[in-house]
Amino acid sequence: MTQEQNDILPLNGPYLTAAGSARPLDKFFPVVWFYCRFLSIIFRASAGAKRNAYGDADWSRSSRDIMRALERAGIVFDITGLDHLKALDTPCVFIANHMSMLETVILPFIIRPFRKVTFIVKDSLMTYPVFKHILRSRHPIVVSRGNPRQDLKTVMKEGKALLDNGVSVIVFPQTTRARSFDPETFNSLGVKLATRAGVPAVPLALITDAWENGRWIKEFGRINPARKVYFAFGKPLRSEGRGADVHRRVLDFIGTRIQQWRGSSDHPESHEDKP
């Protein structure tokens, strides 16, 4: 890892946003200042990707800059389990709950210094203005979400090819973003892919609702510095047979971590979130 890539997240141990990272003006007007910086980063990245001049290091740098912009707006990050990433000597399938836009733009910086990685994404995102150029440059696995049988075939074929070539895959098994964690909506696609490719599954629990989903445009919601952001990577799990045990252990890890975080004083629920 270069010094430039290593200036926020260390190679070892947990990461916690340093005190004093927030800028008073940014924190007072978090939505305005954050989105000004976010759009600037995204437009530059998109222009580079459109010219075929947006590689892995650029992707990681964009992700890092977005994380810094969130910290300047007052968002605190608490990231644990990085030792599991460092210890990996093989590609893997990251299996995570999906809560907001935040994880999709921050995970590249967290993971990429350790492993090459890409996402499974909906086909509609591949035509999304500006973002489409960035996504296409990352060569994701594209699914329709309208034909589960065909999507499974696509993920198994393309996912195995990526993993065989050393590229890890991030899977969000929930059908949509959700603040709550419901195991019933959590399919076993990630575990099936890991089993098929003979690689470990790495559970990833997260709380990212500091970046709320927007009412009109889902990607552009309120930025709420009162909420802490959590990422926790679990131990790599290898499955045999149908992988039912690994799927259960992934669910247990994510559910337990979210319950612990929600119950802590570091993640207060604001009154406006309550019905």
Protein backbone atom coordinates (compact mmCIF):
# COMPACT_ATOMS: atom_id res chain seq x y z
CA MET A 1 0.00 0.00 0.00
CA THR A 2 1.35 3.46 -0.85
CA GLN A 3 1.63 6.20 1.76
CA GLU A 4 -1.09 8.13 -0.05
CA GLN A 5 -3.50 5.23 0.27
CA ASN A 6 -2.47 4.56 3.85
CA ASP A 7 -2.97 8.08 5.25
CA ILE A 8 -6.43 7.34 6.74
CA LEU A 9 -6.75 3.63 7.43
CA PRO A 10 -3.90 1.72 9.08
CA LEU A 11 -2.79 -1.72 8.01
CA ASN A 12 -3.52 -3.15 11.45
CA GLY A 13 -6.09 -2.69 14.16
CA PRO A 14 -9.35 -0.78 14.28
CA TYR A 15 -9.96 2.64 12.76
CA LEU A 16 -11.82 5.45 14.50
CA THR A 17 -12.23 8.94 13.08
CA ALA A 18 -9.87 11.25 14.92
CA ALA A 19 -11.28 13.95 17.14
CA GLY A 20 -11.22 17.31 15.42
CA SER A 21 -11.72 15.88 11.92
CA ALA A 22 -14.98 17.81 11.49
CA ARG A 23 -14.87 21.36 10.15
CA PRO A 24 -17.27 23.72 11.95
CA LEU A 25 -18.81 25.15 8.77
CA ASP A 26 -19.14 21.72 7.16
CA LYS A 27 -20.74 20.28 10.28
CA PHE A 28 -23.17 23.17 10.58
CA PHE A 29 -24.31 22.72 6.96
CA PRO A 30 -23.42 19.04 6.35
CA VAL A 31 -25.73 18.43 3.41
CA VAL A 32 -24.61 21.47 1.41
CA TRP A 33 -20.89 21.16 1.97
CA PHE A 34 -20.72 17.38 1.68
CA TYR A 35 -22.66 17.14 -1.58
CA CYS A 36 -20.62 19.95 -3.13
CA ARG A 37 -17.47 17.94 -2.48
CA PHE A 38 -19.10 14.60 -3.31
CA LEU A 39 -20.32 15.77 -6.72
CA SER A 40 -16.93 17.29 -7.49
CA ILE A 41 -15.22 13.97 -6.73
CA ILE A 42 -17.77 11.97 -8.73
CA PHE A 43 -17.67 14.22 -11.79
CA ARG A 44 -13.87 14.07 -11.89
CA ALA A 45 -13.95 10.29 -11.49
CA SER A 46 -16.61 9.93 -14.18
CA ALA A 47 -14.63 12.07 -16.62
CA GLY A 48 -11.56 9.91 -16.05
CA ALA A 49 -13.51 6.69 -16.44
CA LYS A 50 -15.08 7.97 -19.65
CA ARG A 51 -11.56 8.45 -21.05
CA ASN A 52 -10.54 4.96 -19.87
CA ALA A 53 -8.19 6.66 -17.40
CA TYR A 54 -9.70 5.52 -14.11
CA GLY A 55 -7.92 2.57 -12.56
CA ASP A 56 -7.95 0.80 -9.22
CA ALA A 57 -5.78 3.41 -7.50
CA ASP A 58 -8.05 6.20 -8.77
CA TRP A 59 -11.12 4.35 -7.50
CA SER A 60 -9.54 3.90 -4.07
CA ARG A 61 -8.52 7.58 -4.02
CA SER A 62 -12.03 8.78 -4.90
CA SER A 63 -13.46 6.58 -2.16
CA ARG A 64 -10.92 7.93 0.32
CA ASP A 65 -11.78 11.52 -0.58
CA ILE A 66 -15.51 10.88 -0.07
CA MET A 67 -14.77 9.39 3.33
CA ARG A 68 -12.74 12.46 4.26
CA ALA A 69 -15.59 14.72 3.12
CA LEU A 70 -18.00 12.83 5.37
CA GLU A 71 -15.62 13.12 8.30
CA ARG A 72 -15.32 16.86 7.68
CA ALA A 73 -19.12 17.01 7.84
CA GLY A 74 -18.99 15.45 11.30
CA ILE A 75 -19.50 11.75 10.51
CA VAL A 76 -17.51 9.41 12.76
CA PHE A 77 -16.34 6.07 11.35
CA ASP A 78 -15.72 3.03 13.53
CA ILE A 79 -14.14 0.23 11.48
CA THR A 80 -13.03 -3.10 12.93
CA GLY A 81 -11.86 -6.44 11.59
CA LEU A 82 -9.22 -5.00 9.25
CA ASP A 83 -6.83 -7.65 10.55
CA HIS A 84 -9.00 -10.24 8.79
CA LEU A 85 -8.51 -8.42 5.50
CA LYS A 86 -4.77 -8.23 5.94
CA ALA A 87 -4.57 -11.95 6.76
CA LEU A 88 -6.42 -12.99 3.61
CA ASP A 89 -4.17 -14.78 1.13
CA THR A 90 -6.95 -15.49 -1.34
CA PRO A 91 -9.83 -13.63 -2.97
CA CYS A 92 -13.11 -13.90 -1.12
CA VAL A 93 -16.80 -13.04 -1.19
CA PHE A 94 -17.77 -10.20 1.14
CA ILE A 95 -21.36 -10.64 2.32
CA ALA A 96 -22.92 -7.54 3.84
CA ASN A 97 -26.20 -5.99 4.79
CA HIS A 98 -27.13 -2.99 2.64
CA MET A 99 -28.28 0.21 4.29
CA SER A 100 -27.38 3.27 2.21
CA MET A 101 -25.31 4.80 -0.54
CA LEU A 102 -22.46 5.23 1.92
CA GLU A 103 -21.12 1.67 1.88
CA THR A 104 -21.01 1.50 -1.91
CA VAL A 105 -18.73 4.54 -2.14
CA ILE A 106 -16.60 3.90 0.97
CA LEU A 107 -15.92 0.15 0.74
CA PRO A 108 -13.53 0.51 -2.21
CA PHE A 109 -11.10 2.45 -0.05
CA ILE A 110 -11.45 0.12 2.93
CA ILE A 111 -11.05 -3.10 0.94
CA ARG A 112 -9.01 -2.22 -2.15
CA PRO A 113 -5.68 -1.67 -0.33
CA PHE A 114 -5.92 -5.33 0.73
CA ARG A 115 -7.73 -7.06 -2.14
CA LYS A 116 -8.84 -6.33 -5.68
CA VAL A 117 -12.61 -6.10 -5.54
CA THR A 118 -15.81 -5.38 -7.43
CA PHE A 119 -19.57 -5.42 -6.79
CA ILE A 120 -22.70 -7.19 -7.92
CA VAL A 121 -24.94 -4.38 -9.20
CA LYS A 122 -28.39 -3.90 -10.71
CA ASP A 123 -28.49 -3.37 -14.46
CA SER A 124 -30.34 -0.06 -14.01
CA LEU A 125 -27.24 1.42 -12.36
CA MET A 126 -25.23 0.80 -15.52
CA THR A 127 -27.22 3.51 -17.29
CA TYR A 128 -27.33 5.94 -14.34
CA PRO A 129 -26.07 9.40 -15.35
CA VAL A 130 -22.44 10.13 -14.38
CA PHE A 131 -22.13 7.04 -12.15
CA LYS A 132 -22.39 4.65 -15.10
CA HIS A 133 -18.91 5.45 -16.39
CA ILE A 134 -17.35 4.72 -13.00
CA LEU A 135 -19.30 1.47 -12.59
CA ARG A 136 -18.43 0.23 -16.06
CA SER A 137 -14.74 0.82 -15.39
CA ARG A 138 -14.97 -1.50 -12.37
CA HIS A 139 -16.29 -4.43 -14.44
CA PRO A 140 -19.01 -5.44 -11.95
CA ILE A 141 -21.32 -8.43 -12.16
CA VAL A 142 -24.58 -7.05 -13.55
CA VAL A 143 -27.92 -8.63 -12.61
CA SER A 144 -31.50 -7.74 -13.48
CA ARG A 145 -33.20 -8.55 -10.15
CA GLY A 146 -36.19 -9.46 -12.32
CA ASN A 147 -35.16 -13.02 -13.21
CA PRO A 148 -33.68 -14.77 -10.14
CA ARG A 149 -32.81 -17.95 -12.05
CA GLN A 150 -30.84 -16.08 -14.70
CA ASP A 151 -29.24 -13.81 -12.10
CA LEU A 152 -28.00 -16.86 -10.21
CA LYS A 153 -26.44 -18.28 -13.39
CA THR A 154 -24.80 -14.92 -14.14
CA VAL A 155 -23.36 -14.55 -10.65
CA MET A 156 -22.09 -18.13 -10.52
CA LYS A 157 -20.40 -17.88 -13.92
CA GLU A 158 -19.00 -14.36 -13.82
CA GLY A 159 -18.32 -14.39 -10.09
CA LYS A 160 -16.28 -17.58 -10.29
CA ALA A 161 -14.29 -16.17 -13.21
CA LEU A 162 -13.48 -13.03 -11.23
CA LEU A 163 -12.53 -14.98 -8.10
CA ASP A 164 -10.39 -17.36 -10.16
CA ASN A 165 -8.53 -14.27 -11.39
CA GLY A 166 -7.95 -12.87 -7.93
CA VAL A 167 -10.81 -10.36 -7.78
CA SER A 168 -13.01 -10.47 -4.68
CA VAL A 169 -16.73 -9.79 -4.91
CA ILE A 170 -18.98 -7.71 -2.63
CA VAL A 171 -22.51 -9.10 -2.34
CA PHE A 172 -25.53 -7.36 -0.76
CA PRO A 173 -28.02 -10.25 -0.47
CA GLN A 174 -30.93 -8.04 0.60
CA THR A 175 -33.30 -7.05 -2.19
CA THR A 176 -33.07 -3.37 -1.30
CA ARG A 177 -31.48 -0.95 1.15
CA ALA A 178 -32.94 -1.17 4.64
CA ARG A 179 -32.16 0.39 8.02
CA SER A 180 -33.32 -2.74 9.79
CA PHE A 181 -31.77 -6.18 9.42
CA ASP A 182 -34.24 -8.90 8.51
CA PRO A 183 -32.63 -12.32 8.02
CA GLU A 184 -35.68 -13.43 6.03
CA THR A 185 -34.76 -11.03 3.22
CA PHE A 186 -31.14 -12.15 3.20
CA ASN A 187 -30.60 -14.70 0.44
CA SER A 188 -27.70 -17.17 0.29
CA LEU A 189 -26.28 -15.97 -3.04
CA GLY A 190 -22.95 -14.90 -1.53
CA VAL A 191 -22.39 -18.19 0.24
CA LYS A 192 -23.31 -20.14 -2.91
CA LEU A 193 -20.77 -18.15 -4.92
CA ALA A 194 -18.04 -18.65 -2.31
CA THR A 195 -18.76 -22.38 -2.17
CA ARG A 196 -18.78 -22.70 -5.96
CA ALA A 197 -15.45 -20.87 -6.31
CA GLY A 198 -13.83 -22.56 -3.30
CA VAL A 199 -13.03 -19.26 -1.55
CA PRO A 200 -13.93 -17.97 1.92
CA ALA A 201 -16.98 -15.88 2.67
CA VAL A 202 -16.27 -12.81 4.80
CA PRO A 203 -19.25 -11.46 6.75
CA LEU A 204 -19.51 -7.68 6.89
CA ALA A 205 -21.87 -5.94 9.28
CA LEU A 206 -22.51 -2.25 8.84
CA ILE A 207 -24.59 0.69 9.98
CA THR A 208 -24.45 3.56 7.51
CA ASP A 209 -27.70 5.43 8.02
CA ALA A 210 -25.79 8.64 8.70
CA TRP A 211 -26.24 9.00 4.92
CA GLU A 212 -29.98 8.72 4.64
CA ASN A 213 -31.83 7.51 1.58
CA GLY A 214 -33.39 10.40 -0.30
CA ARG A 215 -37.12 10.89 -0.70
CA TRP A 216 -36.98 11.78 -4.41
CA ILE A 217 -33.54 10.52 -5.45
CA LYS A 218 -32.51 7.58 -3.31
CA GLU A 219 -28.79 8.30 -3.55
CA PHE A 220 -29.12 11.87 -2.26
CA GLY A 221 -30.53 11.96 1.24
CA ARG A 222 -29.78 13.89 4.39
CA ILE A 223 -26.35 13.68 6.02
CA ASN A 224 -26.81 13.19 9.77
CA PRO A 225 -23.61 13.68 11.84
CA ALA A 226 -25.45 12.57 14.99
CA ARG A 227 -25.22 8.98 13.75
CA LYS A 228 -22.01 7.00 13.91
CA VAL A 229 -20.97 4.80 10.99
CA TYR A 230 -19.89 1.23 11.73
CA PHE A 231 -18.16 -1.41 9.64
CA ALA A 232 -17.11 -4.77 11.09
CA PHE A 233 -15.43 -7.51 9.07
CA GLY A 234 -15.74 -11.02 10.45
CA LYS A 235 -13.42 -13.99 10.20
CA PRO A 236 -13.27 -15.65 6.77
CA LEU A 237 -15.58 -18.67 6.66
CA ARG A 238 -15.13 -21.67 4.37
CA SER A 239 -18.13 -23.77 3.48
CA GLU A 240 -18.66 -27.34 2.44
CA GLY A 241 -21.68 -28.87 0.79
CA ARG A 242 -24.57 -26.43 0.44
CA GLY A 243 -23.07 -23.88 2.84
CA ALA A 244 -26.09 -23.67 5.17
CA ASP A 245 -23.88 -23.44 8.25
CA VAL A 246 -21.83 -20.60 6.81
CA HIS A 247 -24.98 -18.72 5.81
CA ARG A 248 -26.26 -19.04 9.38
CA ARG A 249 -22.96 -17.82 10.79
CA VAL A 250 -22.99 -14.82 8.46
CA LEU A 251 -26.50 -13.93 9.60
CA ASP A 252 -25.53 -14.36 13.26
CA PHE A 253 -22.48 -12.14 12.88
CA ILE A 254 -24.34 -9.32 11.13
CA GLY A 255 -27.41 -9.50 13.37
CA THR A 256 -25.39 -9.56 16.58
CA ARG A 257 -23.17 -6.64 15.61
CA ILE A 258 -26.09 -4.46 14.53
CA GLN A 259 -27.94 -5.22 17.75
CA GLN A 260 -24.86 -4.27 19.79
CA TRP A 261 -24.36 -1.02 17.89
CA ARG A 262 -28.01 -0.01 18.03
CA GLY A 263 -27.98 -0.52 21.77
CA SER A 264 -24.88 1.60 22.35
CA SER A 265 -24.92 5.26 23.34
CA ASP A 266 -22.67 6.02 20.35
CA HIS A 267 -25.53 5.59 17.90
CA PRO A 268 -28.51 7.64 19.12
CA GLU A 269 -31.76 7.40 17.21
CA SER A 270 -33.02 10.89 16.36
CA HIS A 271 -36.64 11.76 17.12
CA GLU A 272 -37.42 12.52 13.48
CA ASP A 273 -36.68 8.93 12.52
CA LYS A 274 -39.47 7.64 14.70
CA PRO A 275 -42.94 7.25 13.17
